[in-house]
Amino acid sequence: EQWYAGTAQPAAPRTGSIAAVGYNVCEDCLVLYEGYTESPQGISYNKMYLGQSGSVQVNAATYVEMGGQLRGTITNARLDEWTYTQGTDAKKADGGCYTIGAASFDAGW
């Protein structure tokens, strides 16, 4: 996910850092869900992991709702199990983690 304050989106190509901050304030967010499902009632998941370190290279980013694209790579990433609710945005005590040496992504907008 990419979220930026204001209305301006950074141009690609660009390199960003996956930082140890909360989900509500991350810009280059790396998020992994276990047991993710969508239904008419909403989304649900068993566990959420949020990136705490690493880098992201965005090679293409077209910010349009229909036909947009987001492509790039992630390197040396660590994701920690995360608690994200109405009142909590924090690393889960005694939670699990994932490490990703290198991966690529190619997604629609």
C-alpha atoms as a PDB file:
ATOM      1  CA  GLU A   1       0.000   0.000   0.000  1.00  0.00           C
ATOM      2  CA  GLN A   2       1.105   3.550  -0.602  1.00  0.00           C
ATOM      3  CA  TRP A   3      -0.452   6.437   1.290  1.00  0.00           C
ATOM      4  CA  TYR A   4       0.760  10.010   1.218  1.00  0.00           C
ATOM      5  CA  ALA A   5      -0.285  13.118   3.089  1.00  0.00           C
ATOM      6  CA  GLY A   6      -2.092  15.643   0.949  1.00  0.00           C
ATOM      7  CA  THR A   7      -3.065  15.053  -2.661  1.00  0.00           C
ATOM      8  CA  ALA A   8       0.324  14.693  -4.361  1.00  0.00           C
ATOM      9  CA  GLN A   9       1.593  11.212  -5.160  1.00  0.00           C
ATOM     10  CA  PRO A  10       5.339  10.777  -5.730  1.00  0.00           C
ATOM     11  CA  ALA A  11       6.423  10.075  -9.286  1.00  0.00           C
ATOM     12  CA  ALA A  12       7.939   6.728 -10.236  1.00  0.00           C
ATOM     13  CA  PRO A  13      10.601   5.510 -10.423  1.00  0.00           C
ATOM     14  CA  ARG A  14      11.508   6.071  -6.807  1.00  0.00           C
ATOM     15  CA  THR A  15      13.069   4.258  -3.874  1.00  0.00           C
ATOM     16  CA  GLY A  16      11.471   4.341  -0.435  1.00  0.00           C
ATOM     17  CA  SER A  17      12.088   2.931   3.002  1.00  0.00           C
ATOM     18  CA  ILE A  18       9.777   0.596   4.866  1.00  0.00           C
ATOM     19  CA  ALA A  19       9.818   2.203   8.308  1.00  0.00           C
ATOM     20  CA  ALA A  20       8.931   1.013  11.808  1.00  0.00           C
ATOM     21  CA  VAL A  21       5.829   3.138  12.294  1.00  0.00           C
ATOM     22  CA  GLY A  22       2.134   2.438  12.733  1.00  0.00           C
ATOM     23  CA  TYR A  23      -0.307   1.464   9.994  1.00  0.00           C
ATOM     24  CA  ASN A  24      -2.111   4.805  10.290  1.00  0.00           C
ATOM     25  CA  VAL A  25       1.057   6.777   9.509  1.00  0.00           C
ATOM     26  CA  CYS A  26       3.148   4.609   7.165  1.00  0.00           C
ATOM     27  CA  GLU A  27       3.715   5.807   3.597  1.00  0.00           C
ATOM     28  CA  ASP A  28       5.338   2.845   1.861  1.00  0.00           C
ATOM     29  CA  CYS A  29       3.384   0.203   3.769  1.00  0.00           C
ATOM     30  CA  LEU A  30       4.140  -3.469   3.392  1.00  0.00           C
ATOM     31  CA  VAL A  31       1.200  -5.462   4.770  1.00  0.00           C
ATOM     32  CA  LEU A  32       0.628  -9.218   4.812  1.00  0.00           C
ATOM     33  CA  TYR A  33      -2.571 -10.871   6.006  1.00  0.00           C
ATOM     34  CA  GLU A  34      -3.103 -14.499   7.018  1.00  0.00           C
ATOM     35  CA  GLY A  35      -6.608 -15.878   6.483  1.00  0.00           C
ATOM     36  CA  TYR A  36      -7.843 -12.818   4.566  1.00  0.00           C
ATOM     37  CA  THR A  37     -11.424 -12.981   3.236  1.00  0.00           C
ATOM     38  CA  GLU A  38     -13.852 -10.477   1.735  1.00  0.00           C
ATOM     39  CA  SER A  39     -17.619 -10.685   1.916  1.00  0.00           C
ATOM     40  CA  PRO A  40     -20.580  -8.327   1.586  1.00  0.00           C
ATOM     41  CA  GLN A  41     -20.232  -7.758   5.348  1.00  0.00           C
ATOM     42  CA  GLY A  42     -16.627  -6.552   5.014  1.00  0.00           C
ATOM     43  CA  ILE A  43     -13.132  -7.969   5.322  1.00  0.00           C
ATOM     44  CA  SER A  44     -11.715 -10.289   7.938  1.00  0.00           C
ATOM     45  CA  TYR A  45      -8.335 -11.869   8.626  1.00  0.00           C
ATOM     46  CA  ASN A  46      -6.678 -14.054  11.238  1.00  0.00           C
ATOM     47  CA  LYS A  47      -3.378 -12.165  11.511  1.00  0.00           C
ATOM     48  CA  MET A  48      -1.880  -8.964  10.133  1.00  0.00           C
ATOM     49  CA  TYR A  49       1.825  -8.261   9.644  1.00  0.00           C
ATOM     50  CA  LEU A  50       3.229  -4.773   9.043  1.00  0.00           C
ATOM     51  CA  GLY A  51       6.597  -4.003   7.466  1.00  0.00           C
ATOM     52  CA  GLN A  52       9.106  -2.546   9.906  1.00  0.00           C
ATOM     53  CA  SER A  53      12.252  -2.345   7.790  1.00  0.00           C
ATOM     54  CA  GLY A  54      13.505  -2.823   4.257  1.00  0.00           C
ATOM     55  CA  SER A  55      13.320  -0.919   1.002  1.00  0.00           C
ATOM     56  CA  VAL A  56      10.867  -0.620  -1.850  1.00  0.00           C
ATOM     57  CA  GLN A  57      11.636   0.358  -5.424  1.00  0.00           C
ATOM     58  CA  VAL A  58       8.566   1.616  -7.297  1.00  0.00           C
ATOM     59  CA  ASN A  59       9.211   1.236 -11.025  1.00  0.00           C
ATOM     60  CA  ALA A  60       5.770   2.245 -12.308  1.00  0.00           C
ATOM     61  CA  ALA A  61       2.847   3.946 -10.614  1.00  0.00           C
ATOM     62  CA  THR A  62      -0.173   5.148 -12.543  1.00  0.00           C
ATOM     63  CA  TYR A  63      -2.627   6.656 -10.089  1.00  0.00           C
ATOM     64  CA  VAL A  64      -5.956   6.130 -11.850  1.00  0.00           C
ATOM     65  CA  GLU A  65      -8.854   4.051 -10.559  1.00  0.00           C
ATOM     66  CA  MET A  66      -9.486   2.139 -13.782  1.00  0.00           C
ATOM     67  CA  GLY A  67      -6.398   0.734 -15.483  1.00  0.00           C
ATOM     68  CA  GLY A  68      -3.824   2.052 -13.048  1.00  0.00           C
ATOM     69  CA  GLN A  69      -0.722   0.080 -12.148  1.00  0.00           C
ATOM     70  CA  LEU A  70       1.801  -0.314  -9.351  1.00  0.00           C
ATOM     71  CA  ARG A  71       4.983  -2.289 -10.098  1.00  0.00           C
ATOM     72  CA  GLY A  72       8.274  -2.658  -8.293  1.00  0.00           C
ATOM     73  CA  THR A  73      10.431  -4.680  -5.911  1.00  0.00           C
ATOM     74  CA  ILE A  74      10.895  -5.129  -2.172  1.00  0.00           C
ATOM     75  CA  THR A  75      14.233  -6.052  -0.570  1.00  0.00           C
ATOM     76  CA  ASN A  76      15.411  -6.972   2.923  1.00  0.00           C
ATOM     77  CA  ALA A  77      11.981  -6.556   4.498  1.00  0.00           C
ATOM     78  CA  ARG A  78      10.887  -7.556   7.978  1.00  0.00           C
ATOM     79  CA  LEU A  79       7.201  -7.688   8.898  1.00  0.00           C
ATOM     80  CA  ASP A  80       6.054  -8.029  12.505  1.00  0.00           C
ATOM     81  CA  GLU A  81       2.682  -9.295  13.643  1.00  0.00           C
ATOM     82  CA  TRP A  82       0.486  -6.259  14.171  1.00  0.00           C
ATOM     83  CA  THR A  83      -2.629  -5.346  16.114  1.00  0.00           C
ATOM     84  CA  TYR A  84      -4.776  -2.821  14.262  1.00  0.00           C
ATOM     85  CA  THR A  85      -8.159  -1.986  15.763  1.00  0.00           C
ATOM     86  CA  GLN A  86     -10.189   1.121  16.555  1.00  0.00           C
ATOM     87  CA  GLY A  87      -7.935   1.900  19.526  1.00  0.00           C
ATOM     88  CA  THR A  88      -4.691   0.015  18.829  1.00  0.00           C
ATOM     89  CA  ASP A  89      -2.008   0.405  16.161  1.00  0.00           C
ATOM     90  CA  ALA A  90       0.998  -1.478  17.545  1.00  0.00           C
ATOM     91  CA  LYS A  91       3.318  -4.456  17.277  1.00  0.00           C
ATOM     92  CA  LYS A  92       1.769  -7.514  18.910  1.00  0.00           C
ATOM     93  CA  ALA A  93       3.650  -8.631  22.010  1.00  0.00           C
ATOM     94  CA  ASP A  94       5.157 -12.098  21.446  1.00  0.00           C
ATOM     95  CA  GLY A  95       3.845 -12.040  17.854  1.00  0.00           C
ATOM     96  CA  GLY A  96       5.363 -13.702  14.825  1.00  0.00           C
ATOM     97  CA  CYS A  97       7.299 -12.188  11.960  1.00  0.00           C
ATOM     98  CA  TYR A  98       8.170 -12.694   8.303  1.00  0.00           C
ATOM     99  CA  THR A  99      11.360 -11.786   6.471  1.00  0.00           C
ATOM    100  CA  ILE A 100      11.498 -11.237   2.733  1.00  0.00           C
ATOM    101  CA  GLY A 101      14.916 -11.177   1.056  1.00  0.00           C
ATOM    102  CA  ALA A 102      13.549 -10.043  -2.299  1.00  0.00           C
ATOM    103  CA  ALA A 103      10.165  -9.991  -4.039  1.00  0.00           C
ATOM    104  CA  SER A 104       8.466  -8.196  -6.887  1.00  0.00           C
ATOM    105  CA  PHE A 105       4.921  -6.852  -7.169  1.00  0.00           C
ATOM    106  CA  ASP A 106       2.696  -6.029 -10.142  1.00  0.00           C
ATOM    107  CA  ALA A 107      -0.758  -4.845  -9.136  1.00  0.00           C
ATOM    108  CA  GLY A 108      -3.696  -2.925 -10.522  1.00  0.00           C
ATOM    109  CA  TRP A 109      -4.832   0.263  -8.894  1.00  0.00           C
END
